[in-house]
Amino acid sequence: MTTRKDWDTYFLDMAYMASTRSRCSRRHVGAVLVQGKKLLGAAYNGAPMGVPDCSEAGCMLVEEYELADQDGAEQVVKKQRCIRTIHAEQNLLLFTDPKDRERSVVYVTDQPCWTCANMLANSGIIEIVYHRPYPKDSDKFKTLMQQKGITFRRLETYEPPVGTVSEVQN
Protein backbone atom coordinates (compact mmCIF):
# COMPACT_ATOMS: atom_id res chain seq x y z
CA MET A 1 0.00 0.00 0.00
CA THR A 2 1.35 3.44 -0.89
CA THR A 3 1.08 6.33 1.52
CA ARG A 4 -1.08 9.29 0.68
CA LYS A 5 0.79 12.52 -0.11
CA ASP A 6 0.35 15.51 2.15
CA TRP A 7 -1.17 18.64 0.58
CA ASP A 8 2.14 20.54 0.28
CA THR A 9 3.71 17.64 -1.62
CA TYR A 10 0.63 17.20 -3.79
CA PHE A 11 0.50 20.84 -4.88
CA LEU A 12 4.27 21.21 -5.30
CA ASP A 13 4.16 18.06 -7.47
CA MET A 14 1.60 19.89 -9.62
CA ALA A 15 3.89 22.92 -9.90
CA TYR A 16 6.71 20.64 -11.05
CA MET A 17 4.38 19.01 -13.58
CA ALA A 18 3.48 22.47 -14.93
CA SER A 19 7.21 23.24 -15.23
CA THR A 20 7.61 20.38 -17.72
CA ARG A 21 5.73 22.55 -20.28
CA SER A 22 8.52 25.16 -20.22
CA ARG A 23 10.77 25.32 -23.27
CA CYS A 24 13.31 27.59 -21.58
CA SER A 25 16.81 26.12 -21.85
CA ARG A 26 18.02 27.82 -18.67
CA ARG A 27 15.38 27.03 -16.03
CA HIS A 28 12.00 25.25 -15.97
CA VAL A 29 9.68 26.84 -13.41
CA GLY A 30 6.08 25.98 -12.59
CA ALA A 31 3.54 27.60 -10.26
CA VAL A 32 0.04 26.75 -9.07
CA LEU A 33 -2.59 28.80 -7.27
CA VAL A 34 -4.52 27.05 -4.50
CA GLN A 35 -7.38 28.21 -2.28
CA GLY A 36 -8.21 25.84 0.52
CA LYS A 37 -7.60 22.50 -1.16
CA LYS A 38 -8.85 23.68 -4.57
CA LEU A 39 -6.49 24.16 -7.53
CA LEU A 40 -7.37 27.45 -9.26
CA GLY A 41 -4.63 27.72 -11.86
CA ALA A 42 -1.29 26.50 -13.12
CA ALA A 43 1.44 28.20 -15.15
CA TYR A 44 5.03 27.85 -16.33
CA ASN A 45 7.73 30.14 -17.67
CA GLY A 46 7.85 30.75 -21.41
CA ALA A 47 7.61 33.19 -24.28
CA PRO A 48 4.32 34.97 -24.91
CA MET A 49 1.74 32.88 -26.79
CA GLY A 50 2.36 32.78 -30.53
CA VAL A 51 5.96 33.98 -30.25
CA PRO A 52 8.99 31.74 -30.84
CA ASP A 53 10.43 30.52 -27.54
CA CYS A 54 14.04 29.97 -26.48
CA SER A 55 14.15 26.45 -27.92
CA GLU A 56 13.14 27.86 -31.33
CA ALA A 57 14.82 31.28 -31.41
CA GLY A 58 17.50 31.02 -28.71
CA CYS A 59 17.71 32.90 -25.46
CA MET A 60 17.40 36.68 -25.62
CA LEU A 61 20.20 37.51 -23.21
CA VAL A 62 20.98 40.90 -21.74
CA GLU A 63 24.02 41.69 -19.62
CA GLU A 64 23.62 43.25 -16.20
CA TYR A 65 26.01 44.27 -13.47
CA GLU A 66 25.29 43.87 -9.78
CA LEU A 67 27.08 44.14 -6.48
CA ALA A 68 27.71 40.77 -4.87
CA ASP A 69 29.32 39.77 -1.61
CA GLN A 70 32.31 37.56 -2.35
CA ASP A 71 34.32 36.48 0.69
CA GLY A 72 33.19 39.50 2.69
CA ALA A 73 34.00 42.08 0.00
CA GLU A 74 31.58 43.69 -2.44
CA GLN A 75 32.45 42.92 -6.04
CA VAL A 76 30.83 44.03 -9.28
CA VAL A 77 29.64 40.89 -11.04
CA LYS A 78 28.52 40.65 -14.66
CA LYS A 79 25.43 38.46 -15.16
CA GLN A 80 23.38 37.38 -18.14
CA ARG A 81 19.59 37.22 -17.98
CA CYS A 82 17.10 35.97 -20.58
CA ILE A 83 14.29 38.43 -21.25
CA ARG A 84 12.40 36.31 -23.81
CA THR A 85 10.31 34.45 -21.22
CA ILE A 86 7.53 35.48 -18.89
CA HIS A 87 8.09 33.97 -15.45
CA ALA A 88 5.74 31.26 -14.17
CA GLU A 89 4.48 33.48 -11.35
CA GLN A 90 3.72 36.29 -13.82
CA ASN A 91 1.81 33.91 -16.10
CA LEU A 92 -0.09 32.59 -13.09
CA LEU A 93 -1.18 36.14 -12.22
CA LEU A 94 -2.08 36.89 -15.85
CA PHE A 95 -4.29 33.83 -16.24
CA THR A 96 -6.11 33.66 -12.90
CA ASP A 97 -8.97 35.76 -11.60
CA PRO A 98 -7.99 38.46 -9.09
CA LYS A 99 -10.89 37.40 -6.84
CA ASP A 100 -9.48 33.85 -6.73
CA ARG A 101 -6.11 35.13 -5.57
CA GLU A 102 -7.50 36.69 -2.39
CA ARG A 103 -6.29 34.65 0.60
CA SER A 104 -4.79 31.96 -1.67
CA VAL A 105 -1.46 30.10 -1.66
CA VAL A 106 1.08 29.94 -4.49
CA TYR A 107 3.18 26.79 -4.82
CA VAL A 108 6.21 27.39 -7.02
CA THR A 109 9.17 25.21 -7.94
CA ASP A 110 11.66 28.05 -7.33
CA GLN A 111 11.79 30.91 -4.87
CA PRO A 112 10.44 33.94 -6.74
CA CYS A 113 12.80 36.58 -8.13
CA TRP A 114 12.47 40.17 -6.92
CA THR A 115 10.07 41.24 -9.69
CA CYS A 116 7.78 38.25 -9.15
CA ALA A 117 7.92 38.73 -5.37
CA ASN A 118 6.71 42.32 -5.85
CA MET A 119 3.87 41.17 -8.09
CA LEU A 120 2.84 38.39 -5.71
CA ALA A 121 2.98 40.81 -2.77
CA ASN A 122 0.30 42.92 -4.46
CA SER A 123 -1.85 40.00 -5.61
CA GLY A 124 -3.81 39.21 -2.43
CA ILE A 125 -2.13 35.87 -1.71
CA ILE A 126 -1.29 34.95 1.87
CA GLU A 127 1.42 32.31 1.41
CA ILE A 128 4.19 31.19 -0.95
CA VAL A 129 5.55 27.65 -0.76
CA TYR A 130 8.65 26.85 -2.83
CA HIS A 131 11.31 24.18 -3.23
CA ARG A 132 14.52 25.46 -4.86
CA PRO A 133 16.14 28.59 -3.42
CA TYR A 134 17.05 31.59 -5.56
CA PRO A 135 19.96 33.09 -3.59
CA LYS A 136 20.32 36.23 -5.72
CA ASP A 137 17.12 37.81 -4.39
CA SER A 138 16.65 35.79 -1.20
CA ASP A 139 17.23 38.52 1.38
CA LYS A 140 15.09 41.10 -0.45
CA PHE A 141 12.36 38.48 -0.95
CA LYS A 142 12.24 37.55 2.74
CA THR A 143 12.13 41.17 3.86
CA LEU A 144 9.28 42.02 1.49
CA MET A 145 7.23 38.98 2.51
CA GLN A 146 7.68 39.85 6.19
CA GLN A 147 6.64 43.46 5.53
CA LYS A 148 3.51 42.27 3.70
CA GLY A 149 2.66 39.57 6.26
CA ILE A 150 2.86 36.86 3.60
CA THR A 151 3.96 33.47 4.90
CA PHE A 152 6.76 31.89 2.89
CA ARG A 153 8.08 28.40 3.33
CA ARG A 154 10.76 26.38 1.63
CA LEU A 155 10.13 22.64 1.47
CA GLU A 156 13.76 21.56 1.79
CA THR A 157 13.17 17.80 2.11
CA TYR A 158 10.70 17.66 -0.79
CA GLU A 159 11.53 15.31 -3.69
CA PRO A 160 10.05 16.31 -7.07
CA PRO A 161 8.33 13.65 -9.20
CA VAL A 162 10.72 11.63 -11.36
CA GLY A 163 11.30 13.19 -14.78
CA THR A 164 10.15 16.70 -13.85
CA VAL A 165 13.46 18.33 -12.96
CA SER A 166 15.79 19.80 -15.57
CA GLU A 167 19.28 21.09 -14.86
CA VAL A 168 19.23 24.74 -13.80
CA GLN A 169 21.54 27.15 -15.62
CA ASN A 170 22.05 30.64 -14.21
C-alpha atoms as a PDB file:
ATOM      1  CA  MET A   1       0.000   0.000   0.000  1.00  0.00           C
ATOM      2  CA  THR A   2       1.352   3.439  -0.893  1.00  0.00           C
ATOM      3  CA  THR A   3       1.085   6.325   1.517  1.00  0.00           C
ATOM      4  CA  ARG A   4      -1.080   9.290   0.683  1.00  0.00           C
ATOM      5  CA  LYS A   5       0.791  12.517  -0.107  1.00  0.00           C
ATOM      6  CA  ASP A   6       0.347  15.511   2.153  1.00  0.00           C
ATOM      7  CA  TRP A   7      -1.172  18.641   0.575  1.00  0.00           C
ATOM      8  CA  ASP A   8       2.140  20.542   0.279  1.00  0.00           C
ATOM      9  CA  THR A   9       3.710  17.641  -1.618  1.00  0.00           C
ATOM     10  CA  TYR A  10       0.627  17.200  -3.785  1.00  0.00           C
ATOM     11  CA  PHE A  11       0.503  20.839  -4.884  1.00  0.00           C
ATOM     12  CA  LEU A  12       4.270  21.214  -5.302  1.00  0.00           C
ATOM     13  CA  ASP A  13       4.158  18.064  -7.473  1.00  0.00           C
ATOM     14  CA  MET A  14       1.599  19.894  -9.620  1.00  0.00           C
ATOM     15  CA  ALA A  15       3.892  22.919  -9.896  1.00  0.00           C
ATOM     16  CA  TYR A  16       6.711  20.643 -11.054  1.00  0.00           C
ATOM     17  CA  MET A  17       4.378  19.007 -13.576  1.00  0.00           C
ATOM     18  CA  ALA A  18       3.484  22.469 -14.927  1.00  0.00           C
ATOM     19  CA  SER A  19       7.213  23.239 -15.235  1.00  0.00           C
ATOM     20  CA  THR A  20       7.605  20.378 -17.724  1.00  0.00           C
ATOM     21  CA  ARG A  21       5.735  22.545 -20.278  1.00  0.00           C
ATOM     22  CA  SER A  22       8.523  25.159 -20.217  1.00  0.00           C
ATOM     23  CA  ARG A  23      10.772  25.321 -23.272  1.00  0.00           C
ATOM     24  CA  CYS A  24      13.314  27.589 -21.578  1.00  0.00           C
ATOM     25  CA  SER A  25      16.810  26.123 -21.851  1.00  0.00           C
ATOM     26  CA  ARG A  26      18.021  27.822 -18.669  1.00  0.00           C
ATOM     27  CA  ARG A  27      15.382  27.027 -16.032  1.00  0.00           C
ATOM     28  CA  HIS A  28      11.997  25.249 -15.967  1.00  0.00           C
ATOM     29  CA  VAL A  29       9.680  26.837 -13.412  1.00  0.00           C
ATOM     30  CA  GLY A  30       6.077  25.979 -12.588  1.00  0.00           C
ATOM     31  CA  ALA A  31       3.544  27.595 -10.262  1.00  0.00           C
ATOM     32  CA  VAL A  32       0.037  26.747  -9.072  1.00  0.00           C
ATOM     33  CA  LEU A  33      -2.590  28.796  -7.267  1.00  0.00           C
ATOM     34  CA  VAL A  34      -4.524  27.053  -4.497  1.00  0.00           C
ATOM     35  CA  GLN A  35      -7.377  28.210  -2.284  1.00  0.00           C
ATOM     36  CA  GLY A  36      -8.209  25.836   0.518  1.00  0.00           C
ATOM     37  CA  LYS A  37      -7.604  22.500  -1.158  1.00  0.00           C
ATOM     38  CA  LYS A  38      -8.847  23.678  -4.568  1.00  0.00           C
ATOM     39  CA  LEU A  39      -6.493  24.160  -7.528  1.00  0.00           C
ATOM     40  CA  LEU A  40      -7.372  27.447  -9.256  1.00  0.00           C
ATOM     41  CA  GLY A  41      -4.630  27.719 -11.863  1.00  0.00           C
ATOM     42  CA  ALA A  42      -1.288  26.496 -13.116  1.00  0.00           C
ATOM     43  CA  ALA A  43       1.435  28.197 -15.154  1.00  0.00           C
ATOM     44  CA  TYR A  44       5.030  27.848 -16.333  1.00  0.00           C
ATOM     45  CA  ASN A  45       7.728  30.141 -17.670  1.00  0.00           C
ATOM     46  CA  GLY A  46       7.850  30.747 -21.408  1.00  0.00           C
ATOM     47  CA  ALA A  47       7.609  33.189 -24.276  1.00  0.00           C
ATOM     48  CA  PRO A  48       4.318  34.971 -24.908  1.00  0.00           C
ATOM     49  CA  MET A  49       1.745  32.880 -26.793  1.00  0.00           C
ATOM     50  CA  GLY A  50       2.360  32.777 -30.532  1.00  0.00           C
ATOM     51  CA  VAL A  51       5.960  33.985 -30.254  1.00  0.00           C
ATOM     52  CA  PRO A  52       8.992  31.741 -30.837  1.00  0.00           C
ATOM     53  CA  ASP A  53      10.429  30.519 -27.540  1.00  0.00           C
ATOM     54  CA  CYS A  54      14.035  29.974 -26.478  1.00  0.00           C
ATOM     55  CA  SER A  55      14.146  26.454 -27.919  1.00  0.00           C
ATOM     56  CA  GLU A  56      13.137  27.858 -31.326  1.00  0.00           C
ATOM     57  CA  ALA A  57      14.817  31.280 -31.407  1.00  0.00           C
ATOM     58  CA  GLY A  58      17.499  31.022 -28.713  1.00  0.00           C
ATOM     59  CA  CYS A  59      17.707  32.899 -25.464  1.00  0.00           C
ATOM     60  CA  MET A  60      17.395  36.683 -25.616  1.00  0.00           C
ATOM     61  CA  LEU A  61      20.196  37.514 -23.208  1.00  0.00           C
ATOM     62  CA  VAL A  62      20.980  40.902 -21.737  1.00  0.00           C
ATOM     63  CA  GLU A  63      24.022  41.695 -19.619  1.00  0.00           C
ATOM     64  CA  GLU A  64      23.617  43.251 -16.202  1.00  0.00           C
ATOM     65  CA  TYR A  65      26.007  44.268 -13.469  1.00  0.00           C
ATOM     66  CA  GLU A  66      25.291  43.875  -9.784  1.00  0.00           C
ATOM     67  CA  LEU A  67      27.077  44.136  -6.476  1.00  0.00           C
ATOM     68  CA  ALA A  68      27.713  40.774  -4.873  1.00  0.00           C
ATOM     69  CA  ASP A  69      29.319  39.769  -1.609  1.00  0.00           C
ATOM     70  CA  GLN A  70      32.314  37.564  -2.347  1.00  0.00           C
ATOM     71  CA  ASP A  71      34.320  36.475   0.691  1.00  0.00           C
ATOM     72  CA  GLY A  72      33.192  39.502   2.690  1.00  0.00           C
ATOM     73  CA  ALA A  73      33.998  42.077   0.002  1.00  0.00           C
ATOM     74  CA  GLU A  74      31.584  43.687  -2.438  1.00  0.00           C
ATOM     75  CA  GLN A  75      32.446  42.920  -6.039  1.00  0.00           C
ATOM     76  CA  VAL A  76      30.834  44.025  -9.285  1.00  0.00           C
ATOM     77  CA  VAL A  77      29.635  40.887 -11.043  1.00  0.00           C
ATOM     78  CA  LYS A  78      28.520  40.645 -14.665  1.00  0.00           C
ATOM     79  CA  LYS A  79      25.431  38.461 -15.164  1.00  0.00           C
ATOM     80  CA  GLN A  80      23.380  37.385 -18.140  1.00  0.00           C
ATOM     81  CA  ARG A  81      19.593  37.221 -17.980  1.00  0.00           C
ATOM     82  CA  CYS A  82      17.102  35.973 -20.577  1.00  0.00           C
ATOM     83  CA  ILE A  83      14.295  38.431 -21.253  1.00  0.00           C
ATOM     84  CA  ARG A  84      12.401  36.309 -23.806  1.00  0.00           C
ATOM     85  CA  THR A  85      10.309  34.455 -21.222  1.00  0.00           C
ATOM     86  CA  ILE A  86       7.534  35.479 -18.892  1.00  0.00           C
ATOM     87  CA  HIS A  87       8.089  33.974 -15.449  1.00  0.00           C
ATOM     88  CA  ALA A  88       5.740  31.264 -14.170  1.00  0.00           C
ATOM     89  CA  GLU A  89       4.478  33.483 -11.351  1.00  0.00           C
ATOM     90  CA  GLN A  90       3.720  36.292 -13.816  1.00  0.00           C
ATOM     91  CA  ASN A  91       1.815  33.907 -16.103  1.00  0.00           C
ATOM     92  CA  LEU A  92      -0.092  32.595 -13.092  1.00  0.00           C
ATOM     93  CA  LEU A  93      -1.183  36.137 -12.215  1.00  0.00           C
ATOM     94  CA  LEU A  94      -2.078  36.888 -15.851  1.00  0.00           C
ATOM     95  CA  PHE A  95      -4.293  33.831 -16.236  1.00  0.00           C
ATOM     96  CA  THR A  96      -6.109  33.657 -12.896  1.00  0.00           C
ATOM     97  CA  ASP A  97      -8.972  35.757 -11.600  1.00  0.00           C
ATOM     98  CA  PRO A  98      -7.988  38.464  -9.095  1.00  0.00           C
ATOM     99  CA  LYS A  99     -10.891  37.396  -6.837  1.00  0.00           C
ATOM    100  CA  ASP A 100      -9.480  33.855  -6.732  1.00  0.00           C
ATOM    101  CA  ARG A 101      -6.105  35.132  -5.567  1.00  0.00           C
ATOM    102  CA  GLU A 102      -7.501  36.695  -2.394  1.00  0.00           C
ATOM    103  CA  ARG A 103      -6.292  34.649   0.599  1.00  0.00           C
ATOM    104  CA  SER A 104      -4.786  31.959  -1.670  1.00  0.00           C
ATOM    105  CA  VAL A 105      -1.462  30.100  -1.656  1.00  0.00           C
ATOM    106  CA  VAL A 106       1.076  29.936  -4.486  1.00  0.00           C
ATOM    107  CA  TYR A 107       3.180  26.795  -4.815  1.00  0.00           C
ATOM    108  CA  VAL A 108       6.206  27.394  -7.024  1.00  0.00           C
ATOM    109  CA  THR A 109       9.167  25.209  -7.940  1.00  0.00           C
ATOM    110  CA  ASP A 110      11.656  28.047  -7.326  1.00  0.00           C
ATOM    111  CA  GLN A 111      11.791  30.913  -4.868  1.00  0.00           C
ATOM    112  CA  PRO A 112      10.444  33.942  -6.744  1.00  0.00           C
ATOM    113  CA  CYS A 113      12.798  36.580  -8.129  1.00  0.00           C
ATOM    114  CA  TRP A 114      12.474  40.171  -6.923  1.00  0.00           C
ATOM    115  CA  THR A 115      10.069  41.235  -9.693  1.00  0.00           C
ATOM    116  CA  CYS A 116       7.777  38.246  -9.145  1.00  0.00           C
ATOM    117  CA  ALA A 117       7.924  38.734  -5.374  1.00  0.00           C
ATOM    118  CA  ASN A 118       6.709  42.323  -5.850  1.00  0.00           C
ATOM    119  CA  MET A 119       3.869  41.173  -8.088  1.00  0.00           C
ATOM    120  CA  LEU A 120       2.841  38.390  -5.709  1.00  0.00           C
ATOM    121  CA  ALA A 121       2.980  40.812  -2.769  1.00  0.00           C
ATOM    122  CA  ASN A 122       0.302  42.923  -4.462  1.00  0.00           C
ATOM    123  CA  SER A 123      -1.852  40.004  -5.607  1.00  0.00           C
ATOM    124  CA  GLY A 124      -3.809  39.212  -2.428  1.00  0.00           C
ATOM    125  CA  ILE A 125      -2.130  35.870  -1.708  1.00  0.00           C
ATOM    126  CA  ILE A 126      -1.290  34.947   1.870  1.00  0.00           C
ATOM    127  CA  GLU A 127       1.420  32.315   1.406  1.00  0.00           C
ATOM    128  CA  ILE A 128       4.192  31.190  -0.951  1.00  0.00           C
ATOM    129  CA  VAL A 129       5.553  27.649  -0.764  1.00  0.00           C
ATOM    130  CA  TYR A 130       8.650  26.853  -2.830  1.00  0.00           C
ATOM    131  CA  HIS A 131      11.312  24.185  -3.235  1.00  0.00           C
ATOM    132  CA  ARG A 132      14.516  25.461  -4.865  1.00  0.00           C
ATOM    133  CA  PRO A 133      16.143  28.594  -3.418  1.00  0.00           C
ATOM    134  CA  TYR A 134      17.055  31.592  -5.564  1.00  0.00           C
ATOM    135  CA  PRO A 135      19.962  33.094  -3.588  1.00  0.00           C
ATOM    136  CA  LYS A 136      20.318  36.234  -5.723  1.00  0.00           C
ATOM    137  CA  ASP A 137      17.119  37.808  -4.393  1.00  0.00           C
ATOM    138  CA  SER A 138      16.653  35.788  -1.199  1.00  0.00           C
ATOM    139  CA  ASP A 139      17.228  38.519   1.382  1.00  0.00           C
ATOM    140  CA  LYS A 140      15.090  41.095  -0.451  1.00  0.00           C
ATOM    141  CA  PHE A 141      12.357  38.480  -0.947  1.00  0.00           C
ATOM    142  CA  LYS A 142      12.241  37.546   2.736  1.00  0.00           C
ATOM    143  CA  THR A 143      12.134  41.170   3.860  1.00  0.00           C
ATOM    144  CA  LEU A 144       9.283  42.018   1.487  1.00  0.00           C
ATOM    145  CA  MET A 145       7.232  38.979   2.508  1.00  0.00           C
ATOM    146  CA  GLN A 146       7.680  39.854   6.192  1.00  0.00           C
ATOM    147  CA  GLN A 147       6.638  43.463   5.532  1.00  0.00           C
ATOM    148  CA  LYS A 148       3.514  42.272   3.698  1.00  0.00           C
ATOM    149  CA  GLY A 149       2.662  39.573   6.258  1.00  0.00           C
ATOM    150  CA  ILE A 150       2.858  36.859   3.602  1.00  0.00           C
ATOM    151  CA  THR A 151       3.965  33.467   4.901  1.00  0.00           C
ATOM    152  CA  PHE A 152       6.761  31.886   2.892  1.00  0.00           C
ATOM    153  CA  ARG A 153       8.084  28.402   3.327  1.00  0.00           C
ATOM    154  CA  ARG A 154      10.761  26.383   1.631  1.00  0.00           C
ATOM    155  CA  LEU A 155      10.126  22.637   1.474  1.00  0.00           C
ATOM    156  CA  GLU A 156      13.764  21.560   1.787  1.00  0.00           C
ATOM    157  CA  THR A 157      13.165  17.804   2.113  1.00  0.00           C
ATOM    158  CA  TYR A 158      10.700  17.662  -0.791  1.00  0.00           C
ATOM    159  CA  GLU A 159      11.527  15.307  -3.691  1.00  0.00           C
ATOM    160  CA  PRO A 160      10.049  16.311  -7.074  1.00  0.00           C
ATOM    161  CA  PRO A 161       8.334  13.655  -9.205  1.00  0.00           C
ATOM    162  CA  VAL A 162      10.719  11.627 -11.365  1.00  0.00           C
ATOM    163  CA  GLY A 163      11.300  13.192 -14.778  1.00  0.00           C
ATOM    164  CA  THR A 164      10.151  16.703 -13.848  1.00  0.00           C
ATOM    165  CA  VAL A 165      13.464  18.334 -12.962  1.00  0.00           C
ATOM    166  CA  SER A 166      15.791  19.798 -15.567  1.00  0.00           C
ATOM    167  CA  GLU A 167      19.284  21.089 -14.861  1.00  0.00           C
ATOM    168  CA  VAL A 168      19.226  24.742 -13.801  1.00  0.00           C
ATOM    169  CA  GLN A 169      21.536  27.155 -15.617  1.00  0.00           C
ATOM    170  CA  ASN A 170      22.049  30.643 -14.208  1.00  0.00           C
END
